[in-house]
Amino acid sequence: MKKKISIIFIWIFSIVISVLWTFENPEKIEKIKSSFKKNKKPEISKSQNLSKSVIANSYNVSYTRVLDLTNKTAFVSHPKKLPKLKIEELTIYTQNGYLIKNLIPKKLNLPKSFTLQRNGGVKTIISIANKKLALISANKSNCFFASLNDIETSEEIFRTKCLPEEAKNNDFNGLGSSNVHLNNSILLALGTPEKHASKNSKLAQKNDSMFGKILKIKKENLIKKLNNKNQELSIEIFSKGHRVPQGLTILNDKIFNVEHGPKGGDELNLVVEGSNYGWPNVSYGTNYLKDGGGDGSSYQINHEAKKYQEPLFAFVPSVGISSLNNCPKILKDYYKKSCLLALSLYGNNLRKGHSIIIFLLNKENNKVHSIEKISLGNLVLRHFVTDDQNNLYEDENGNIFISADKKGIYKVEFFKFR
């Protein structure tokens, strides 16, 4: 009997010690989880999922899963020259650091500092001179930062300074996840990795920080850096004052982005070089409530009075906006207007996400005429399937393809136009 009591006591004591250690060492637990997730190989297979249809305002939309994938995507591409999507031709980068080609996952060659802590991971892939560069979140000696790395060699192309906030307030969901090729340059979006207003927010207004910016890198300089690691890489600030710039695209030679606001205030922006978009000094959203780590306070919304750029449109409440691209030809031909297509993640209890969002613009592309939100069930929509330079891939029938978190790749068809 005494032996049984002793065993029970030791068992209870060990549980208490474990709970106390976990509570006092949250970052060590995060590191353990990060290591486990980095080594967890994605599960992937072709899908025989049945189509589901929804009725939009002027046509119907069907969505069909064509590939099962257990991971979140960082970038998904397919050769533009192929008129029909071939599953085996998809190149998929996952946020936990894997490359999937021909349905075979392979771990990427990333530096030891690569981390999945604080919702980190691979955020986007840049293609240049037959090389692939990964924007990643990193942690070294409790310094959390972002870096761009050559996947082939794992060499660091650049890194940011350490985030000033304490680790628990960092959130790499806010790092951003897009890049575009603009003439002889590449534009790369870097957000402020935060859960709520914090020291990280202020970086968006500081010229000595890469965070909260859309960065401009000349291709010539980037290639020189790839060929000579001692070469200094010049990085310009294209625009600043961004919170979480998730999607980035070019329409009629103009740059557009979508980004997360705080509690409310997701934005569509016409991005003009040299402009300031105001975060964290102005926003149509509010700071998160206390249960979200904030104080519930509002921000000033008069951008123009503060000499900041107004968004073309702000979602209040938010939709959890993610990727942005041009509309496929089938929609352009129907609307006969400038047309942008966005995706959304969860949203919230006031406005559900899980949607495709269509923006119709005026001829000058500086005003939104119409917004339509088309819900696709409960899918958390992450990326469009594009080419290497983030131009939308569409098949010969005008179908597009999108990724949904931990679900896979879906074909989206627009039909029965009215």
Protein backbone atom coordinates (compact mmCIF):
# COMPACT_ATOMS: atom_id res chain seq x y z
CA MET A 1 0.00 0.00 0.00
CA LYS A 2 2.82 2.40 0.94
CA LYS A 3 4.57 1.59 -2.33
CA LYS A 4 1.41 2.41 -4.29
CA ILE A 5 1.00 5.73 -2.46
CA SER A 6 4.65 6.57 -3.15
CA ILE A 7 4.21 5.91 -6.87
CA ILE A 8 1.09 8.09 -6.99
CA PHE A 9 2.91 10.86 -5.08
CA ILE A 10 5.90 10.74 -7.44
CA TRP A 11 3.55 10.78 -10.45
CA ILE A 12 1.65 13.83 -9.14
CA PHE A 13 4.89 15.56 -8.17
CA SER A 14 6.37 15.00 -11.64
CA ILE A 15 3.24 16.46 -13.27
CA VAL A 16 3.40 19.56 -11.05
CA ILE A 17 7.10 20.06 -11.83
CA SER A 18 6.40 19.63 -15.56
CA VAL A 19 3.57 22.18 -15.46
CA LEU A 20 5.71 24.69 -13.54
CA TRP A 21 8.66 24.20 -15.89
CA THR A 22 6.43 24.65 -18.93
CA PHE A 23 4.90 27.82 -17.45
CA GLU A 24 8.29 29.32 -16.59
CA ASN A 25 10.01 28.30 -19.85
CA PRO A 26 7.53 29.00 -22.67
CA GLU A 27 10.29 29.78 -25.19
CA LYS A 28 12.00 26.42 -24.57
CA ILE A 29 8.68 24.69 -25.23
CA GLU A 30 8.31 26.76 -28.41
CA LYS A 31 11.78 25.65 -29.54
CA ILE A 32 10.91 22.00 -28.94
CA LYS A 33 7.67 22.38 -30.93
CA SER A 34 9.53 24.21 -33.71
CA SER A 35 12.11 21.42 -34.01
CA PHE A 36 9.38 18.79 -34.17
CA LYS A 37 7.37 20.66 -36.84
CA LYS A 38 10.46 21.33 -38.99
CA ASN A 39 11.08 17.60 -39.22
CA LYS A 40 7.48 16.59 -39.87
CA LYS A 41 7.28 15.62 -43.54
CA PRO A 42 4.16 16.84 -45.40
CA GLU A 43 1.56 14.29 -46.37
CA ILE A 44 0.52 14.74 -50.00
CA SER A 45 -1.65 12.86 -52.50
CA LYS A 46 -3.92 13.38 -55.47
CA SER A 47 -7.52 14.04 -54.52
CA GLN A 48 -10.83 12.76 -55.87
CA ASN A 49 -12.79 15.44 -54.01
CA LEU A 50 -16.28 16.23 -55.34
CA SER A 51 -17.02 19.76 -56.58
CA LYS A 52 -19.01 22.20 -54.50
CA SER A 53 -20.76 25.19 -56.02
CA VAL A 54 -21.85 28.57 -54.74
CA ILE A 55 -23.92 31.25 -56.43
CA ALA A 56 -22.19 34.60 -56.87
CA ASN A 57 -23.92 37.78 -57.99
CA SER A 58 -23.45 37.30 -61.74
CA TYR A 59 -22.28 33.70 -62.16
CA ASN A 60 -21.64 30.47 -60.29
CA VAL A 61 -18.37 29.38 -58.73
CA SER A 62 -17.32 25.77 -58.17
CA TYR A 63 -14.31 24.59 -56.18
CA THR A 64 -12.78 21.13 -56.30
CA ARG A 65 -9.82 19.78 -54.35
CA VAL A 66 -7.24 18.35 -56.74
CA LEU A 67 -4.44 17.74 -54.24
CA ASP A 68 -4.46 16.80 -50.55
CA LEU A 69 -1.77 18.54 -48.48
CA THR A 70 -1.45 18.65 -44.70
CA ASN A 71 0.66 21.84 -44.53
CA LYS A 72 0.36 25.59 -45.01
CA THR A 73 1.90 26.82 -48.24
CA ALA A 74 4.58 29.51 -48.64
CA PHE A 75 4.53 29.65 -52.47
CA VAL A 76 2.92 27.50 -55.18
CA SER A 77 3.90 27.67 -58.86
CA HIS A 78 3.10 25.90 -62.11
CA PRO A 79 4.57 26.36 -65.61
CA LYS A 80 2.53 29.04 -67.38
CA LYS A 81 3.06 27.48 -70.81
CA LEU A 82 1.06 24.35 -69.93
CA PRO A 83 -2.62 24.81 -70.93
CA LYS A 84 -3.83 22.24 -68.39
CA LEU A 85 -2.68 21.99 -64.80
CA LYS A 86 -0.63 18.87 -64.14
CA ILE A 87 -0.39 17.91 -60.49
CA GLU A 88 3.12 16.54 -60.97
CA GLU A 89 4.26 19.91 -62.39
CA LEU A 90 3.28 21.85 -59.27
CA THR A 91 6.17 23.26 -57.25
CA ILE A 92 5.04 23.73 -53.65
CA TYR A 93 7.01 25.33 -50.83
CA THR A 94 5.58 24.75 -47.36
CA GLN A 95 5.90 27.08 -44.41
CA ASN A 96 7.63 24.41 -42.33
CA GLY A 97 10.51 24.24 -44.82
CA TYR A 98 9.79 21.59 -47.45
CA LEU A 99 9.82 21.62 -51.25
CA ILE A 100 7.34 19.35 -53.03
CA LYS A 101 8.02 18.46 -56.67
CA ASN A 102 6.48 15.56 -58.56
CA LEU A 103 4.51 14.88 -55.35
CA ILE A 104 7.74 14.13 -53.45
CA PRO A 105 8.57 16.27 -50.39
CA LYS A 106 12.18 17.21 -49.73
CA LYS A 107 13.51 19.23 -46.82
CA LEU A 108 14.92 22.62 -47.81
CA ASN A 109 18.52 23.57 -47.11
CA LEU A 110 17.84 26.33 -44.57
CA PRO A 111 20.12 27.78 -41.86
CA LYS A 112 20.04 26.52 -38.27
CA SER A 113 18.48 29.82 -37.22
CA PHE A 114 15.31 29.00 -39.19
CA THR A 115 12.43 28.76 -36.74
CA LEU A 116 8.73 28.03 -36.61
CA GLN A 117 8.46 29.75 -33.24
CA ARG A 118 5.87 32.51 -32.93
CA ASN A 119 4.04 31.32 -36.08
CA GLY A 120 7.23 31.53 -38.10
CA GLY A 121 8.37 29.66 -41.18
CA VAL A 122 9.10 30.16 -44.87
CA LYS A 123 7.02 33.15 -45.98
CA THR A 124 7.69 33.55 -49.71
CA ILE A 125 10.06 32.43 -52.48
CA ILE A 126 11.92 34.75 -54.87
CA SER A 127 13.06 33.35 -58.22
CA ILE A 128 16.03 34.98 -59.95
CA ALA A 129 18.85 33.80 -62.25
CA ASN A 130 17.79 30.13 -61.89
CA LYS A 131 18.06 30.42 -58.12
CA LYS A 132 15.43 30.29 -55.39
CA LEU A 133 15.59 32.53 -52.34
CA ALA A 134 13.46 31.99 -49.25
CA LEU A 135 12.22 34.71 -46.91
CA ILE A 136 12.24 33.07 -43.49
CA SER A 137 11.73 33.84 -39.82
CA ALA A 138 14.75 33.14 -37.64
CA ASN A 139 15.93 33.04 -34.05
CA LYS A 140 19.51 33.08 -32.86
CA SER A 141 20.40 33.52 -29.19
CA ASN A 142 16.88 34.83 -28.54
CA CYS A 143 17.24 37.44 -31.30
CA PHE A 144 14.18 37.11 -33.54
CA PHE A 145 14.70 38.41 -37.08
CA ALA A 146 13.88 37.79 -40.76
CA SER A 147 16.36 36.80 -43.43
CA LEU A 148 16.53 36.03 -47.13
CA ASN A 149 18.50 32.88 -47.90
CA ASP A 150 19.74 31.03 -50.98
CA ILE A 151 18.00 27.65 -50.77
CA GLU A 152 20.78 25.86 -52.64
CA THR A 153 23.61 26.97 -50.36
CA SER A 154 21.63 28.23 -47.30
CA GLU A 155 23.78 31.39 -47.52
CA GLU A 156 22.24 34.51 -46.09
CA ILE A 157 21.52 37.27 -48.64
CA PHE A 158 20.38 39.75 -46.00
CA ARG A 159 18.96 39.80 -42.51
CA THR A 160 16.97 42.34 -40.55
CA LYS A 161 17.87 43.68 -37.15
CA CYS A 162 16.50 41.89 -34.09
CA LEU A 163 12.88 42.60 -33.20
CA PRO A 164 12.72 44.90 -30.15
CA GLU A 165 9.71 43.24 -28.51
CA GLU A 166 9.91 40.44 -25.96
CA ALA A 167 9.49 37.06 -27.60
CA LYS A 168 5.91 36.41 -26.47
CA ASN A 169 4.66 39.51 -28.30
CA ASN A 170 6.28 38.61 -31.63
CA ASP A 171 4.07 36.99 -34.26
CA PHE A 172 5.65 36.04 -37.57
CA ASN A 173 2.20 35.68 -39.12
CA GLY A 174 2.78 39.41 -39.55
CA LEU A 175 5.97 39.07 -41.60
CA GLY A 176 4.18 39.12 -44.94
CA SER A 177 4.21 36.67 -47.80
CA SER A 178 4.61 38.16 -51.26
CA ASN A 179 6.97 39.48 -53.91
CA VAL A 180 6.65 40.73 -57.48
CA HIS A 181 9.03 41.46 -60.34
CA LEU A 182 8.84 45.11 -61.44
CA ASN A 183 10.96 45.81 -64.54
CA ASN A 184 14.59 45.51 -63.35
CA SER A 185 13.72 45.21 -59.65
CA ILE A 186 12.00 42.92 -57.18
CA LEU A 187 9.53 44.27 -54.65
CA LEU A 188 9.39 42.32 -51.38
CA ALA A 189 6.85 42.93 -48.61
CA LEU A 190 7.93 42.75 -44.96
CA GLY A 191 5.36 43.40 -42.26
CA THR A 192 5.68 44.12 -38.56
CA PRO A 193 5.60 40.73 -36.77
CA GLU A 194 3.13 41.50 -33.98
CA LYS A 195 -0.02 40.24 -32.33
CA HIS A 196 -1.12 43.71 -31.25
CA ALA A 197 0.29 47.23 -31.10
CA SER A 198 3.80 46.97 -29.69
CA LYS A 199 7.40 48.12 -30.05
CA ASN A 200 7.44 46.21 -33.35
CA SER A 201 4.68 48.46 -34.72
CA LYS A 202 6.91 51.53 -34.55
CA LEU A 203 9.44 49.93 -36.89
CA ALA A 204 7.07 50.61 -39.80
CA GLN A 205 7.93 54.33 -39.57
CA LYS A 206 11.68 53.94 -39.04
CA ASN A 207 13.91 54.19 -42.11
CA ASP A 208 16.66 52.14 -40.46
CA SER A 209 14.36 49.11 -40.20
CA MET A 210 13.18 46.77 -42.98
CA PHE A 211 9.98 45.88 -41.13
CA GLY A 212 6.70 47.50 -42.12
CA LYS A 213 8.01 48.21 -45.62
CA ILE A 214 7.77 47.19 -49.23
CA LEU A 215 11.42 46.84 -50.18
CA LYS A 216 12.94 47.39 -53.61
CA ILE A 217 15.94 45.31 -54.66
CA LYS A 218 17.59 45.80 -58.05
CA LYS A 219 17.98 42.48 -59.84
CA GLU A 220 21.48 43.37 -61.02
CA ASN A 221 22.64 43.95 -57.45
CA LEU A 222 20.95 40.80 -56.19
CA ILE A 223 22.65 38.65 -58.86
CA LYS A 224 26.02 40.19 -57.96
CA LYS A 225 25.38 39.31 -54.32
CA LEU A 226 24.52 35.72 -55.25
CA ASN A 227 27.75 35.41 -57.21
CA ASN A 228 29.90 37.09 -54.56
CA LYS A 229 28.83 36.75 -50.94
CA ASN A 230 31.12 39.64 -49.96
CA GLN A 231 29.24 41.98 -52.30
CA GLU A 232 27.13 44.54 -50.43
CA LEU A 233 23.43 44.38 -51.29
CA SER A 234 21.66 47.72 -51.64
CA ILE A 235 18.03 47.63 -50.49
CA GLU A 236 15.73 50.61 -51.00
CA ILE A 237 12.47 51.46 -49.24
CA PHE A 238 9.76 51.53 -51.91
CA SER A 239 7.02 52.43 -49.40
CA LYS A 240 6.58 52.32 -45.64
CA GLY A 241 3.96 52.44 -42.90
CA HIS A 242 2.61 48.95 -43.67
CA ARG A 243 1.37 46.62 -40.92
CA VAL A 244 1.11 43.16 -42.48
CA PRO A 245 1.38 43.38 -46.29
CA GLN A 246 0.23 39.90 -47.32
CA GLY A 247 -0.53 40.20 -51.04
CA LEU A 248 1.27 42.13 -53.78
CA THR A 249 0.53 42.39 -57.51
CA ILE A 250 0.92 44.58 -60.61
CA LEU A 251 -2.07 45.72 -62.67
CA ASN A 252 -1.60 47.99 -65.70
CA ASP A 253 1.86 49.01 -64.47
CA LYS A 254 0.53 49.99 -61.05
CA ILE A 255 1.39 48.26 -57.76
CA PHE A 256 -1.35 47.07 -55.42
CA ASN A 257 -1.17 45.35 -52.06
CA VAL A 258 -3.53 43.99 -49.43
CA GLU A 259 -2.63 43.93 -45.76
CA HIS A 260 -4.03 43.04 -42.37
CA GLY A 261 -5.17 45.82 -40.11
CA PRO A 262 -5.36 45.31 -36.35
CA LYS A 263 -8.90 44.55 -35.11
CA GLY A 264 -10.55 45.72 -38.32
CA GLY A 265 -8.99 47.78 -41.06
CA ASP A 266 -7.73 45.22 -43.59
CA GLU A 267 -6.65 47.33 -46.56
CA LEU A 268 -6.39 47.38 -50.35
CA ASN A 269 -3.71 49.92 -51.30
CA LEU A 270 -2.46 51.50 -54.49
CA VAL A 271 1.24 51.48 -53.65
CA VAL A 272 3.10 54.58 -54.83
CA GLU A 273 6.89 54.69 -54.54
CA GLY A 274 8.04 56.95 -51.71
CA SER A 275 4.65 56.98 -49.97
CA ASN A 276 3.82 56.37 -46.32
CA TYR A 277 0.71 54.33 -45.44
CA GLY A 278 0.57 55.42 -41.84
CA TRP A 279 0.91 52.37 -39.59
CA PRO A 280 0.88 52.56 -36.57
CA ASN A 281 -0.18 56.21 -36.47
CA VAL A 282 -3.41 55.80 -38.44
CA SER A 283 -5.71 52.86 -39.17
CA TYR A 284 -9.40 52.17 -39.72
CA GLY A 285 -9.06 49.29 -37.28
CA THR A 286 -8.75 49.41 -33.50
CA ASN A 287 -6.26 47.90 -31.10
CA TYR A 288 -7.24 44.42 -29.97
CA LEU A 289 -9.25 44.12 -26.77
CA LYS A 290 -7.61 42.98 -23.54
CA ASP A 291 -8.32 39.30 -24.22
CA GLY A 292 -6.27 39.73 -27.40
CA GLY A 293 -3.41 41.51 -25.64
CA GLY A 294 -4.39 45.09 -26.49
CA ASP A 295 -6.28 47.92 -24.79
CA GLY A 296 -9.17 48.31 -27.26
CA SER A 297 -8.21 51.88 -28.19
CA SER A 298 -9.00 53.40 -31.60
CA TYR A 299 -6.53 54.89 -34.05
CA GLN A 300 -6.79 58.16 -35.91
CA ILE A 301 -8.34 57.59 -39.33
CA ASN A 302 -7.66 60.89 -41.09
CA HIS A 303 -4.72 59.75 -43.21
CA GLU A 304 -4.67 62.82 -45.46
CA ALA A 305 -4.44 65.28 -42.57
CA LYS A 306 -1.33 63.43 -41.41
CA LYS A 307 0.04 63.31 -44.99
CA TYR A 308 -0.35 59.55 -45.22
CA GLN A 309 -1.77 57.62 -48.16
CA GLU A 310 -5.41 56.60 -47.74
CA PRO A 311 -6.24 52.96 -48.54
CA LEU A 312 -8.35 52.44 -51.64
CA PHE A 313 -10.62 50.41 -49.38
CA ALA A 314 -10.60 49.32 -45.72
CA PHE A 315 -12.59 46.34 -44.46
CA VAL A 316 -14.31 47.05 -41.14
CA PRO A 317 -14.67 44.45 -39.71
CA SER A 318 -11.72 42.56 -41.17
CA VAL A 319 -11.86 39.56 -43.47
CA GLY A 320 -8.36 38.17 -42.75
CA ILE A 321 -7.15 39.09 -46.22
CA SER A 322 -4.23 37.09 -47.67
CA SER A 323 -3.13 36.92 -51.33
CA LEU A 324 -3.76 39.38 -54.18
CA ASN A 325 -3.48 38.95 -57.94
CA ASN A 326 -5.03 39.94 -61.26
CA CYS A 327 -8.39 38.46 -62.20
CA PRO A 328 -8.34 35.64 -64.75
CA LYS A 329 -9.23 36.52 -68.35
CA ILE A 330 -12.73 35.05 -68.05
CA LEU A 331 -13.62 37.64 -65.39
CA LYS A 332 -11.86 40.50 -67.16
CA ASP A 333 -13.82 39.75 -70.34
CA TYR A 334 -17.07 39.64 -68.40
CA TYR A 335 -16.61 42.80 -66.32
CA LYS A 336 -14.69 44.81 -68.94
CA LYS A 337 -13.09 46.69 -66.04
CA SER A 338 -9.82 46.63 -64.15
CA CYS A 339 -10.21 43.65 -61.87
CA LEU A 340 -8.25 42.38 -58.86
CA LEU A 341 -8.74 39.08 -57.05
CA ALA A 342 -7.95 38.47 -53.36
CA LEU A 343 -8.21 35.59 -50.90
CA SER A 344 -9.06 35.60 -47.21
CA LEU A 345 -8.21 33.48 -44.20
CA TYR A 346 -10.47 33.08 -41.15
CA GLY A 347 -12.04 36.50 -40.75
CA ASN A 348 -13.93 36.82 -37.46
CA ASN A 349 -17.34 36.42 -35.87
CA LEU A 350 -18.47 39.75 -37.34
CA ARG A 351 -17.37 39.05 -40.91
CA LYS A 352 -16.48 35.56 -42.06
CA GLY A 353 -13.36 35.02 -44.14
CA HIS A 354 -12.87 31.84 -46.21
CA SER A 355 -13.60 33.83 -49.37
CA ILE A 356 -12.58 34.99 -52.80
CA ILE A 357 -12.88 38.78 -53.04
CA ILE A 358 -13.28 40.63 -56.33
CA PHE A 359 -12.35 44.33 -56.60
CA LEU A 360 -13.54 46.28 -59.65
CA LEU A 361 -11.66 49.53 -60.25
CA ASN A 362 -12.13 52.63 -62.36
CA LYS A 363 -10.25 53.27 -65.61
CA GLU A 364 -7.46 55.18 -63.80
CA ASN A 365 -7.08 52.31 -61.26
CA ASN A 366 -7.24 54.72 -58.32
CA LYS A 367 -10.78 54.07 -57.08
CA VAL A 368 -12.73 50.95 -56.11
CA HIS A 369 -16.14 50.77 -57.79
CA SER A 370 -17.31 47.42 -56.47
CA ILE A 371 -16.38 44.64 -54.04
CA GLU A 372 -17.85 41.14 -54.10
CA LYS A 373 -17.07 38.56 -51.46
CA ILE A 374 -17.71 34.94 -52.47
CA SER A 375 -17.57 32.45 -49.59
CA LEU A 376 -15.97 29.05 -50.20
CA GLY A 377 -17.25 27.09 -47.23
CA ASN A 378 -14.76 26.87 -44.37
CA LEU A 379 -11.54 26.93 -46.42
CA VAL A 380 -8.68 29.05 -45.05
CA LEU A 381 -7.43 30.46 -48.36
CA ARG A 382 -3.69 31.17 -48.50
CA HIS A 383 -2.13 31.46 -51.99
CA PHE A 384 -2.91 31.55 -55.69
CA VAL A 385 -1.06 29.12 -57.91
CA THR A 386 1.17 31.39 -60.03
CA ASP A 387 4.27 31.29 -62.17
CA ASP A 388 7.71 31.91 -60.61
CA GLN A 389 7.18 35.68 -60.74
CA ASN A 390 3.80 35.59 -58.97
CA ASN A 391 1.66 36.04 -62.10
CA LEU A 392 -1.63 34.17 -61.83
CA TYR A 393 -1.76 30.75 -63.50
CA GLU A 394 -5.01 29.98 -65.32
CA ASP A 395 -5.70 26.99 -67.51
CA GLU A 396 -7.13 27.02 -71.04
CA ASN A 397 -10.69 27.12 -69.67
CA GLY A 398 -10.08 30.11 -67.41
CA ASN A 399 -9.93 28.05 -64.20
CA ILE A 400 -7.61 29.18 -61.42
CA PHE A 401 -6.04 27.24 -58.54
CA ILE A 402 -5.64 28.21 -54.88
CA SER A 403 -4.20 26.69 -51.71
CA ALA A 404 -6.15 26.20 -48.50
CA ASP A 405 -4.37 25.69 -45.17
CA LYS A 406 -3.94 22.02 -44.25
CA LYS A 407 -6.43 21.01 -46.97
CA GLY A 408 -4.52 21.24 -50.24
CA ILE A 409 -4.89 22.75 -53.72
CA TYR A 410 -8.31 23.58 -55.19
CA LYS A 411 -9.46 24.27 -58.73
CA VAL A 412 -11.85 27.23 -58.96
CA GLU A 413 -14.17 27.51 -61.95
CA PHE A 414 -16.36 30.48 -62.93
CA PHE A 415 -19.40 29.45 -65.01
CA LYS A 416 -23.10 30.09 -65.80
CA PHE A 417 -22.57 33.80 -66.39
CA ARG A 418 -25.87 35.64 -66.32
